[in-house]
Structure formats: structure tokens, C-alpha cells
Amino acid sequence: MDHPFMRLRLLQSTVLLALVAGPACLIAQEISSNEEERLESLARSDDEWVAPKNSVTVGFRMLASGAKVHFGNLGSVPFPTTVIAPASAGPASRTYQNGNVGLDAPRGTELDSLGNQTSTPGGRYQTYTTTTIDGTDAAGNPTQTTTSTVAGDFISYTPGVTRAWSYDTPQQAAINPGYIGMSTYSATSDGASLDKKQGPTSGMEMEISHVMGKLSKRLEWSLVAGVTLNGINNKTAGDVNSTLNTKTDFYSLNGQAAPYTAVATPYAPPTYDSVNTSTETTTTLSAVPDPSLSTQTTAAGAVVVHGKWQIKGAYFMARIGPSIHAQLSERLGLSASVGVAGAYASTYYSVEETMEIPDVGTTVGTTAGSPLISYASKFLGGYYADMNLDWTANDRTGLFGGLSAQKLGSYDESVGDRTAHIDLGTTVGIRGGLSIKF
């Protein structure tokens, strides 16, 4: 239970403590006031003024030009990826870029119920339609009369030849009379090249600096380090002449005349007589090419390759060097910095190349609907120089703007036999942003 005497003793102790602490507080307050006046006096002295030593800037960076790229060894379109079976494989389905030779087999109308061929190889076979007519005889009894008529006259399946083939141009029959030439094509570069320089490019940057010392009342020097990020996007398109490579297999017509064809209307069996449309006129072709006649030819500059080539990516540059800053007025300052730089560049090389098959007009390309791509990364050395005008808004923040120059190295990238020499080179630009002192 709380006793009145105890409360009195506590009150007396509190009053005594207050009497002792009061003068001490007054003395401390007087000392604090005197120290404040002394610091203000020091702040008014230029020799003893202590400003923030560090600053960080964040802003934009726009360069007058980007990478210069030399695209080399352009104009290569490979042979089709589908391998054509050699003659030693016998009858097979073979697809070329100007026709095809397919496997043949007896048609359903040439087979009996057990699957045996009923037509005569090397000959023809007919199909029939049956007509039944109801009638009555002389005594008035019901009768039926059945008659069969030829519905179609067809060429029989014959081993060693095929009715399932097609070709695209008359030239294929003219190369080697008595045969049909079936070809595949490719293009190899004749060393064609194109140059492209990237236009203005923008990026972002951040920089931190530390004041190392004063050179005079209004001049100081600092150590500056910064990072920047700029894009690389260099692309070009055009036509280049390349070497045309042609592989041709020859299939015998076995003494028959070559069926007529034109580019607009390639020959594609089965065909029928224009008057008697039920009579097949398909020309049969040897099912296997003559291996002794196969050829492979090259013709320099004989084909035009249409292409699109692109280098795309970015580079991350770090720089460090000394900076000199001159205070022009209370709010304006001028600074200059020169130093070394290093850049990490990462890009991909994209290639799309197509050509038209001679005499056919069909367009074939490097890939099926998508470009060829390779990736490369490289570290490049160089140097930089900056000159900036800064405006101080208050003790901590401000704005800056100025000029920037840099020089970096180059590197190479390739897709297949195609090359690209990427030179970041020398360029100038402008920079600006916000500065914060701390």
C-alpha cells in the first residue's frame, strides 16, 4: 500500500534533482548557442567552407552515329536439306526443285480381290460400266438385258517405269534429248560485300565522382567513374551476284517424245486425250536415273541472291578518369573529363537470303521461313572525353548538359560463311540529366 510519507520523500528527491540539473542545462544551452555562432562564422569563410565531396548523375546519352558494319561473303543459299536417293537405291520417291519422280504401283482398278495385278505390264487396261435394261419378251414375260461399255482406257503399271512424275520447263527435255533432267540448285558467295553505318543512337548513363582536392579557390579536381548503355542496330538489304551450282539427274523417256510443258503449266500426270477424255495419255518415265549421265555444274555470277542482313544488340561501357571543375558563378560550373573506357558488346547476326530457281521462278531460301542467327560477345578497349556545363538548383541537386566523345574497338561475327566486321569506332554526342551531391 502506497504510504503518504513515501510520496513526500519522492517529491523531495525530484525537487532536489531539478535544482541541481537546472543550472547545468542553462550552461549547456549557452555552450550550444556559442558553438552554433562559431560554425556560422566558419561557414562564412571561403577557406573553411566544407561542401559535399561526392556526386552522382543520372541521364541520357545520344550519339551522332552507331556501329559501322562490313557485311562480307554474302549470297549463299544451300542445296535442299532433303537428300535425294542415289540410283543404286532403285525406284524411290525423289523430289527436285524443278520436278519430282514418285514411286508407282498398280492402281485399285488393276487389282483383283486378292491384290494381284490384272493389267498387263507394258500394255493398257480398260474399265467398264454395266447397264441393265428391263423389258418383256414376245410372250409378255419380264426380261433384263445387260450390256458393258468401256468407261476408261488406261496405261498399265510397269515395273521399272513410273506414271507418277512431273517436270516444270521445256529446257529440262532439251538438255539431253530422250531424257528429262531433274535438278537441285544452290548458290555460293562470290565474295560480295555491303557496308552500313548506323545513324544516331540513344542510351542511358550513370556517373559517380569524388572531389580529390582544390587547385585554386574556384577550381577543383575529381575522380570520375561511370557506366553507359547504348544499342546496336545495323541492317541492310539488297541483291548480290553469286555462283550457281546445279546438280542434275537424267531419267529416260524410253523412246517416247517428251510431253509438252511450260513454266506456267508444268507437266503433271495423269493426262488424257483432249477428244476422248476417257483415254489416258500419260507418258511413262524411267523410275531410276541413269547414273552415268548425272552432272554437277557451277557458273560464277549466274544467279542473283536477294538478302537481308542485320546486326542487333547493345554494348555496356564503363569509364574512369580525372575531371576538372571550374565554378563560373554561384550556380554555374564547367567541367571536363578524359580517361579510359572499356565496353562489353553482345550482338546477334541475322541472315535471310533467297534466290529464284533458273527458268522456274520458284523462290528458295536459306531456311524455311525464319532467318539464320548467330550470337557473339566481345570486350573492347578505348577512351572517352566529356565537357559539361552544370547548374546548381540548391546545395544538393542540379542539372547538367554537355558534349561527349568516345573511341572503341571492333570485333567479328559470322553466320556460316558470311562475315560481319563490327566497328564501334569514334563518335561524338550530347549528354544531360540530373546531378545529386552527398
Protein backbone atom coordinates (compact mmCIF):
# COMPACT_ATOMS: atom_id res chain seq x y z
CA MET A 1 0.00 0.00 0.00
CA ASP A 2 1.39 3.42 -1.02
CA HIS A 3 2.23 5.48 2.15
CA PRO A 4 1.91 9.35 2.19
CA PHE A 5 5.42 9.61 3.69
CA MET A 6 6.92 7.73 0.76
CA ARG A 7 5.20 10.03 -1.70
CA LEU A 8 6.61 13.06 0.18
CA ARG A 9 10.16 11.64 0.09
CA LEU A 10 9.82 11.05 -3.68
CA LEU A 11 8.62 14.62 -4.23
CA GLN A 12 11.55 16.00 -2.25
CA SER A 13 14.06 13.96 -4.28
CA THR A 14 12.53 15.22 -7.55
CA VAL A 15 12.73 18.86 -6.50
CA LEU A 16 16.35 18.44 -5.39
CA LEU A 17 17.30 16.87 -8.73
CA ALA A 18 15.63 19.71 -10.62
CA LEU A 19 17.55 22.32 -8.59
CA VAL A 20 20.84 20.60 -9.38
CA ALA A 21 20.13 19.95 -13.12
CA GLY A 22 18.70 23.40 -13.88
CA PRO A 23 21.99 25.35 -13.88
CA ALA A 24 23.68 22.56 -15.86
CA CYS A 25 21.03 22.83 -18.59
CA LEU A 26 21.46 26.59 -18.71
CA ILE A 27 25.23 26.22 -19.09
CA ALA A 28 24.79 23.59 -21.88
CA GLN A 29 22.33 25.82 -23.71
CA GLU A 30 24.79 28.70 -23.53
CA ILE A 31 27.63 26.49 -24.90
CA SER A 32 25.37 25.16 -27.73
CA SER A 33 24.44 28.71 -28.72
CA ASN A 34 28.08 29.76 -28.76
CA GLU A 35 29.05 26.72 -30.91
CA GLU A 36 26.31 27.49 -33.38
CA GLU A 37 27.58 31.03 -33.77
CA ARG A 38 31.11 29.74 -34.28
CA LEU A 39 30.02 27.30 -37.05
CA GLU A 40 28.12 30.07 -38.81
CA SER A 41 31.23 32.17 -38.66
CA LEU A 42 33.24 29.33 -40.17
CA ALA A 43 30.64 28.84 -42.93
CA ARG A 44 31.13 32.48 -43.97
CA SER A 45 34.82 31.86 -44.53
CA ASP A 46 35.69 30.55 -48.04
CA ASP A 47 38.79 28.87 -46.74
CA GLU A 48 36.92 26.83 -44.14
CA TRP A 49 33.68 26.05 -46.05
CA VAL A 50 33.07 22.27 -46.33
CA ALA A 51 30.93 21.28 -49.38
CA PRO A 52 29.72 17.73 -50.30
CA LYS A 53 32.59 15.69 -51.74
CA ASN A 54 30.57 13.16 -53.77
CA SER A 55 28.03 13.45 -56.55
CA VAL A 56 26.09 11.07 -58.72
CA THR A 57 24.50 11.87 -62.09
CA VAL A 58 21.79 10.04 -63.99
CA GLY A 59 20.78 10.99 -67.51
CA PHE A 60 20.58 10.35 -71.22
CA ARG A 61 23.28 9.95 -73.82
CA MET A 62 22.71 10.49 -77.56
CA LEU A 63 25.48 9.70 -80.04
CA ALA A 64 25.67 11.07 -83.58
CA SER A 65 26.35 7.60 -85.02
CA GLY A 66 26.47 3.98 -84.01
CA ALA A 67 28.41 0.97 -85.22
CA LYS A 68 29.79 0.63 -88.72
CA VAL A 69 29.38 -2.90 -90.09
CA HIS A 70 31.09 -4.51 -93.08
CA PHE A 71 28.93 -7.45 -94.19
CA GLY A 72 31.13 -9.86 -96.17
CA ASN A 73 30.97 -13.06 -98.21
CA LEU A 74 27.26 -12.61 -98.88
CA GLY A 75 24.97 -14.63 -101.12
CA SER A 76 24.85 -18.31 -100.10
CA VAL A 77 21.76 -20.47 -100.48
CA PRO A 78 22.31 -24.18 -99.71
CA PHE A 79 21.05 -27.20 -101.57
CA PRO A 80 17.77 -28.62 -100.22
CA THR A 81 18.14 -30.44 -96.93
CA THR A 82 16.18 -33.44 -98.26
CA VAL A 83 18.68 -35.99 -99.55
CA ILE A 84 17.88 -37.43 -102.98
CA ALA A 85 18.31 -41.19 -103.08
CA PRO A 86 21.14 -42.37 -105.35
CA ALA A 87 20.45 -44.50 -108.42
CA SER A 88 21.78 -47.51 -106.54
CA ALA A 89 18.74 -47.31 -104.23
CA GLY A 90 16.50 -48.32 -107.14
CA PRO A 91 12.95 -46.94 -107.55
CA ALA A 92 12.25 -44.33 -104.87
CA SER A 93 10.42 -41.08 -104.37
CA ARG A 94 12.82 -38.30 -105.43
CA THR A 95 11.93 -34.61 -105.13
CA TYR A 96 13.81 -31.98 -107.11
CA GLN A 97 13.41 -28.22 -107.35
CA ASN A 98 12.01 -28.41 -110.88
CA GLY A 99 10.06 -31.63 -110.67
CA ASN A 100 9.68 -34.96 -108.92
CA VAL A 101 9.79 -38.66 -109.68
CA GLY A 102 7.49 -40.71 -107.48
CA LEU A 103 7.02 -44.38 -106.75
CA ASP A 104 4.42 -46.11 -108.93
CA ALA A 105 2.22 -49.07 -108.05
CA PRO A 106 -0.82 -50.83 -109.53
CA ARG A 107 -3.98 -48.79 -109.20
CA GLY A 108 -7.02 -50.22 -107.47
CA THR A 109 -8.69 -50.88 -110.83
CA GLU A 110 -5.71 -53.07 -111.83
CA LEU A 111 -6.06 -55.44 -108.87
CA ASP A 112 -8.29 -58.40 -108.16
CA SER A 113 -9.84 -59.15 -104.79
CA LEU A 114 -6.62 -60.82 -103.62
CA GLY A 115 -4.45 -57.84 -104.57
CA ASN A 116 -2.95 -59.41 -107.68
CA GLN A 117 -2.28 -57.23 -110.73
CA THR A 118 -4.73 -57.99 -113.51
CA SER A 119 -3.41 -55.50 -116.05
CA THR A 120 -0.59 -56.39 -118.46
CA PRO A 121 2.72 -54.60 -117.69
CA GLY A 122 3.79 -52.52 -120.65
CA GLY A 123 0.25 -52.50 -122.05
CA ARG A 124 -3.11 -50.93 -121.34
CA TYR A 125 -6.18 -51.93 -119.40
CA GLN A 126 -9.83 -50.94 -119.52
CA THR A 127 -12.54 -50.34 -117.05
CA TYR A 128 -16.22 -50.92 -117.87
CA THR A 129 -19.62 -49.75 -116.87
CA THR A 130 -22.54 -52.19 -116.89
CA THR A 131 -26.05 -51.17 -117.93
CA THR A 132 -29.15 -53.31 -117.25
CA ILE A 133 -32.35 -52.66 -119.21
CA ASP A 134 -35.68 -54.16 -118.09
CA GLY A 135 -38.10 -55.34 -120.78
CA THR A 136 -40.53 -58.11 -121.85
CA ASP A 137 -40.33 -60.90 -124.40
CA ALA A 138 -42.87 -61.74 -127.10
CA ALA A 139 -44.93 -63.72 -124.63
CA GLY A 140 -45.06 -60.74 -122.27
CA ASN A 141 -42.65 -62.20 -119.72
CA PRO A 142 -40.24 -59.78 -117.91
CA THR A 143 -36.67 -59.76 -119.21
CA GLN A 144 -33.36 -57.98 -118.45
CA THR A 145 -30.68 -57.06 -120.94
CA THR A 146 -27.18 -56.32 -119.59
CA THR A 147 -24.53 -54.54 -121.65
CA SER A 148 -20.96 -53.50 -120.80
CA THR A 149 -19.22 -50.44 -122.26
CA VAL A 150 -15.64 -49.21 -121.91
CA ALA A 151 -15.51 -46.45 -119.28
CA GLY A 152 -11.78 -45.82 -119.42
CA ASP A 153 -8.68 -46.89 -121.28
CA PHE A 154 -5.55 -46.65 -119.09
CA ILE A 155 -1.81 -47.31 -119.15
CA SER A 156 -0.82 -50.30 -117.09
CA TYR A 157 1.61 -50.32 -114.21
CA THR A 158 5.02 -51.48 -115.42
CA PRO A 159 7.94 -52.23 -113.11
CA GLY A 160 10.97 -50.05 -113.82
CA VAL A 161 8.98 -47.07 -115.04
CA THR A 162 6.62 -44.65 -113.34
CA ARG A 163 3.45 -42.80 -114.24
CA ALA A 164 3.81 -40.62 -111.08
CA TRP A 165 6.17 -37.84 -112.10
CA SER A 166 6.17 -34.18 -113.16
CA TYR A 167 8.52 -31.55 -114.53
CA ASP A 168 8.40 -27.77 -114.89
CA THR A 169 10.12 -26.39 -118.00
CA PRO A 170 10.78 -27.34 -121.64
CA GLN A 171 14.53 -26.83 -121.06
CA GLN A 172 14.59 -29.98 -118.95
CA ALA A 173 13.76 -32.05 -122.04
CA ALA A 174 16.12 -30.12 -124.32
CA ILE A 175 19.34 -30.57 -122.29
CA ASN A 176 19.70 -34.23 -123.25
CA PRO A 177 17.16 -35.38 -125.88
CA GLY A 178 15.39 -38.58 -124.94
CA TYR A 179 15.74 -37.77 -121.24
CA ILE A 180 14.20 -35.46 -118.68
CA GLY A 181 16.66 -33.57 -116.48
CA MET A 182 15.72 -33.12 -112.84
CA SER A 183 17.80 -30.59 -110.88
CA THR A 184 18.53 -29.09 -107.48
CA TYR A 185 20.28 -25.75 -107.04
CA SER A 186 22.40 -23.81 -104.59
CA ALA A 187 24.29 -20.53 -104.55
CA THR A 188 27.74 -19.87 -103.11
CA SER A 189 29.16 -16.44 -102.47
CA ASP A 190 31.44 -14.76 -104.96
CA GLY A 191 32.75 -12.58 -102.13
CA ALA A 192 30.07 -9.90 -102.35
CA SER A 193 30.00 -7.36 -99.51
CA LEU A 194 27.97 -4.41 -98.28
CA ASP A 195 28.77 -1.63 -95.80
CA LYS A 196 26.29 0.02 -93.47
CA LYS A 197 26.77 2.69 -90.80
CA GLN A 198 24.21 3.08 -88.05
CA GLY A 199 22.65 6.51 -87.59
CA PRO A 200 22.08 8.36 -84.28
CA THR A 201 21.61 6.13 -81.25
CA SER A 202 20.42 6.96 -77.75
CA GLY A 203 21.12 5.37 -74.40
CA MET A 204 21.29 5.85 -70.64
CA GLU A 205 24.18 6.59 -68.32
CA MET A 206 25.10 6.93 -64.66
CA GLU A 207 28.23 8.54 -63.22
CA ILE A 208 29.73 9.00 -59.75
CA SER A 209 32.52 11.39 -58.82
CA HIS A 210 34.57 12.23 -55.73
CA VAL A 211 36.34 15.55 -55.17
CA MET A 212 40.01 14.82 -54.59
CA GLY A 213 41.18 18.35 -53.88
CA LYS A 214 41.24 22.06 -54.79
CA LEU A 215 43.57 23.52 -57.36
CA SER A 216 42.53 27.08 -56.54
CA LYS A 217 39.70 29.00 -54.91
CA ARG A 218 37.28 28.20 -57.81
CA LEU A 219 38.99 25.14 -59.35
CA GLU A 220 38.93 21.55 -58.08
CA TRP A 221 39.70 18.15 -59.47
CA SER A 222 37.78 14.87 -59.04
CA LEU A 223 37.96 11.22 -59.93
CA VAL A 224 35.02 10.17 -62.13
CA ALA A 225 33.64 6.70 -62.93
CA GLY A 226 30.56 5.94 -64.98
CA VAL A 227 28.60 3.36 -66.96
CA THR A 228 26.55 3.76 -70.13
CA LEU A 229 24.28 1.52 -72.19
CA ASN A 230 23.76 2.06 -75.92
CA GLY A 231 22.04 -0.05 -78.56
CA ILE A 232 23.44 -1.54 -81.78
CA ASN A 233 21.04 -1.96 -84.70
CA ASN A 234 22.62 -2.07 -88.12
CA LYS A 235 20.76 -3.66 -91.02
CA THR A 236 20.84 -3.58 -94.80
CA ALA A 237 19.20 -5.34 -97.73
CA GLY A 238 20.00 -5.77 -101.40
CA ASP A 239 20.89 -8.07 -104.27
CA VAL A 240 24.25 -9.72 -104.86
CA ASN A 241 25.51 -11.97 -107.67
CA SER A 242 26.64 -15.44 -106.67
CA THR A 243 27.86 -18.69 -108.21
CA LEU A 244 25.04 -21.01 -109.28
CA ASN A 245 25.59 -24.70 -108.50
CA THR A 246 23.38 -27.23 -110.32
CA LYS A 247 23.06 -30.97 -109.72
CA THR A 248 21.08 -32.79 -112.44
CA ASP A 249 19.85 -36.38 -112.77
CA PHE A 250 18.56 -37.67 -116.13
CA TYR A 251 15.59 -40.02 -116.50
CA SER A 252 14.98 -41.90 -119.73
CA LEU A 253 11.77 -41.44 -121.71
CA ASN A 254 12.34 -44.92 -123.17
CA GLY A 255 11.97 -43.74 -126.76
CA GLN A 256 8.85 -41.64 -126.18
CA ALA A 257 8.56 -37.99 -127.02
CA ALA A 258 8.75 -35.58 -124.12
CA PRO A 259 5.30 -34.37 -123.10
CA TYR A 260 4.77 -30.65 -123.63
CA THR A 261 5.15 -28.32 -120.70
CA ALA A 262 5.67 -24.64 -119.99
CA VAL A 263 6.66 -22.63 -116.92
CA ALA A 264 3.05 -21.59 -116.38
CA THR A 265 1.70 -25.12 -116.91
CA PRO A 266 4.15 -27.80 -115.74
CA TYR A 267 3.57 -31.38 -116.86
CA ALA A 268 1.78 -33.38 -114.16
CA PRO A 269 0.25 -36.83 -114.96
CA PRO A 270 -2.12 -38.47 -115.33
CA THR A 271 -3.11 -36.87 -118.63
CA TYR A 272 -5.97 -37.74 -121.01
CA ASP A 273 -6.83 -37.35 -124.68
CA SER A 274 -8.40 -33.98 -125.35
CA VAL A 275 -11.16 -35.55 -127.52
CA ASN A 276 -11.74 -38.92 -125.93
CA THR A 277 -11.32 -37.85 -122.33
CA SER A 278 -11.53 -41.41 -121.01
CA THR A 279 -8.30 -42.42 -122.77
CA GLU A 280 -5.13 -41.95 -120.70
CA THR A 281 -2.14 -40.38 -122.50
CA THR A 282 0.35 -40.30 -119.61
CA THR A 283 3.99 -40.58 -120.67
CA THR A 284 5.89 -43.03 -118.53
CA LEU A 285 9.38 -42.25 -117.27
CA SER A 286 12.19 -44.45 -116.08
CA ALA A 287 11.82 -44.89 -112.31
CA VAL A 288 15.60 -44.66 -111.74
CA PRO A 289 18.02 -42.01 -113.07
CA ASP A 290 20.88 -43.04 -115.35
CA PRO A 291 23.93 -42.71 -113.05
CA SER A 292 26.31 -42.30 -115.99
CA LEU A 293 24.58 -39.08 -117.07
CA SER A 294 24.32 -37.22 -113.74
CA THR A 295 26.10 -33.85 -113.75
CA GLN A 296 27.14 -31.11 -111.34
CA THR A 297 27.98 -27.70 -112.79
CA THR A 298 28.94 -24.26 -111.49
CA ALA A 299 28.51 -20.87 -113.12
CA ALA A 300 30.12 -17.83 -111.45
CA GLY A 301 27.83 -14.81 -111.09
CA ALA A 302 24.93 -16.64 -112.75
CA VAL A 303 22.32 -16.13 -110.03
CA VAL A 304 21.04 -13.11 -108.10
CA VAL A 305 20.60 -13.62 -104.36
CA HIS A 306 18.19 -11.32 -102.53
CA GLY A 307 19.24 -10.75 -98.94
CA LYS A 308 18.55 -9.07 -95.61
CA TRP A 309 21.40 -8.83 -93.11
CA GLN A 310 21.25 -7.40 -89.58
CA ILE A 311 23.50 -6.95 -86.55
CA LYS A 312 21.48 -6.14 -83.42
CA GLY A 313 22.30 -5.92 -79.73
CA ALA A 314 23.85 -3.46 -77.27
CA TYR A 315 27.08 -2.53 -75.54
CA PHE A 316 27.71 -1.70 -71.90
CA MET A 317 30.58 0.76 -71.44
CA ALA A 318 32.44 1.56 -68.21
CA ARG A 319 34.79 4.55 -67.98
CA ILE A 320 37.09 6.15 -65.40
CA GLY A 321 39.28 9.22 -65.38
CA PRO A 322 40.09 12.57 -63.78
CA SER A 323 37.81 15.61 -64.06
CA ILE A 324 38.49 19.33 -63.56
CA HIS A 325 35.63 21.54 -62.44
CA ALA A 326 35.60 25.35 -62.58
CA GLN A 327 32.95 27.32 -60.66
CA LEU A 328 31.95 30.14 -63.03
CA SER A 329 29.37 31.73 -60.76
CA GLU A 330 27.28 30.93 -57.71
CA ARG A 331 25.16 28.45 -59.71
CA LEU A 332 27.05 27.71 -62.96
CA GLY A 333 30.05 25.45 -63.35
CA LEU A 334 32.12 23.99 -66.18
CA SER A 335 33.85 20.59 -66.08
CA ALA A 336 35.97 18.45 -68.40
CA SER A 337 37.00 14.81 -68.10
CA VAL A 338 39.27 12.48 -70.11
CA GLY A 339 40.01 8.84 -69.37
CA VAL A 340 39.98 5.19 -70.36
CA ALA A 341 36.92 3.13 -71.29
CA GLY A 342 36.00 -0.50 -71.80
CA ALA A 343 32.89 -1.89 -73.45
CA TYR A 344 31.20 -5.29 -73.35
CA ALA A 345 29.33 -5.76 -76.63
CA SER A 346 26.76 -8.51 -77.24
CA THR A 347 25.01 -8.89 -80.61
CA TYR A 348 23.27 -11.38 -82.86
CA TYR A 349 23.77 -11.68 -86.63
CA SER A 350 20.60 -12.39 -88.61
CA VAL A 351 20.65 -13.53 -92.26
CA GLU A 352 17.85 -14.07 -94.77
CA GLU A 353 18.90 -14.95 -98.33
CA THR A 354 16.76 -16.20 -101.23
CA MET A 355 17.18 -16.87 -104.93
CA GLU A 356 14.89 -17.73 -107.81
CA ILE A 357 15.39 -21.14 -109.42
CA PRO A 358 16.52 -20.60 -113.04
CA ASP A 359 13.75 -20.96 -115.64
CA VAL A 360 11.27 -21.98 -112.95
CA GLY A 361 10.82 -18.76 -110.97
CA THR A 362 10.23 -20.54 -107.67
CA THR A 363 11.94 -18.74 -104.77
CA VAL A 364 14.05 -20.80 -102.39
CA GLY A 365 15.91 -19.51 -99.36
CA THR A 366 18.38 -20.14 -96.59
CA THR A 367 15.73 -21.50 -94.23
CA ALA A 368 12.08 -22.42 -94.11
CA GLY A 369 10.53 -19.08 -93.15
CA SER A 370 13.00 -17.98 -90.46
CA PRO A 371 16.44 -16.33 -90.59
CA LEU A 372 19.78 -17.86 -89.74
CA ILE A 373 21.13 -16.41 -86.48
CA SER A 374 24.43 -16.45 -84.60
CA TYR A 375 25.44 -14.78 -81.33
CA ALA A 376 28.71 -13.12 -80.27
CA SER A 377 30.09 -11.20 -77.27
CA LYS A 378 33.32 -9.22 -77.03
CA PHE A 379 35.17 -6.90 -74.64
CA LEU A 380 36.60 -3.79 -76.34
CA GLY A 381 39.02 -1.18 -75.04
CA GLY A 382 39.04 2.57 -75.75
CA TYR A 383 38.89 6.03 -74.25
CA TYR A 384 36.44 8.90 -73.74
CA ALA A 385 36.24 12.68 -73.24
CA ASP A 386 33.39 14.77 -71.78
CA MET A 387 32.75 18.51 -71.35
CA ASN A 388 29.74 19.64 -69.30
CA LEU A 389 28.00 22.78 -68.11
CA ASP A 390 26.22 22.30 -64.77
CA TRP A 391 23.60 24.41 -62.99
CA THR A 392 23.09 24.11 -59.23
CA ALA A 393 19.50 24.31 -58.05
CA ASN A 394 20.38 24.04 -54.34
CA ASP A 395 23.07 22.59 -52.09
CA ARG A 396 22.25 19.03 -53.17
CA THR A 397 20.71 18.91 -56.63
CA GLY A 398 21.28 20.36 -60.05
CA LEU A 399 21.18 19.79 -63.81
CA PHE A 400 23.95 19.19 -66.32
CA GLY A 401 24.39 19.01 -70.08
CA GLY A 402 27.31 18.78 -72.43
CA LEU A 403 29.29 17.05 -75.15
CA SER A 404 30.72 13.54 -75.16
CA ALA A 405 33.24 11.74 -77.38
CA GLN A 406 34.41 8.14 -77.35
CA LYS A 407 36.53 5.68 -79.29
CA LEU A 408 36.14 1.91 -79.02
CA GLY A 409 37.49 -1.10 -80.92
CA SER A 410 35.94 -3.65 -83.29
CA TYR A 411 35.15 -7.37 -83.49
CA ASP A 412 33.97 -10.03 -85.95
CA GLU A 413 30.91 -12.27 -86.12
CA SER A 414 29.80 -14.88 -88.67
CA VAL A 415 26.83 -16.95 -89.80
CA GLY A 416 28.05 -19.92 -91.81
CA ASP A 417 30.44 -18.49 -94.41
CA ARG A 418 29.02 -14.97 -94.07
CA THR A 419 31.02 -12.49 -92.02
CA ALA A 420 30.37 -9.18 -90.28
CA HIS A 421 33.06 -6.79 -89.05
CA ILE A 422 31.50 -4.58 -86.35
CA ASP A 423 33.39 -1.36 -85.62
CA LEU A 424 32.09 0.82 -82.79
CA GLY A 425 34.74 3.35 -83.78
CA THR A 426 34.85 7.07 -82.94
CA THR A 427 31.70 9.07 -82.35
CA VAL A 428 30.51 12.22 -80.58
CA GLY A 429 27.22 13.13 -78.97
CA ILE A 430 25.37 15.04 -76.29
CA ARG A 431 24.54 14.13 -72.71
CA GLY A 432 22.41 15.57 -69.94
CA GLY A 433 20.49 14.79 -66.81
CA LEU A 434 20.21 15.27 -63.05
CA SER A 435 23.03 15.52 -60.51
CA ILE A 436 22.82 14.84 -56.76
CA LYS A 437 25.54 15.75 -54.25
CA PHE A 438 26.08 13.93 -50.98
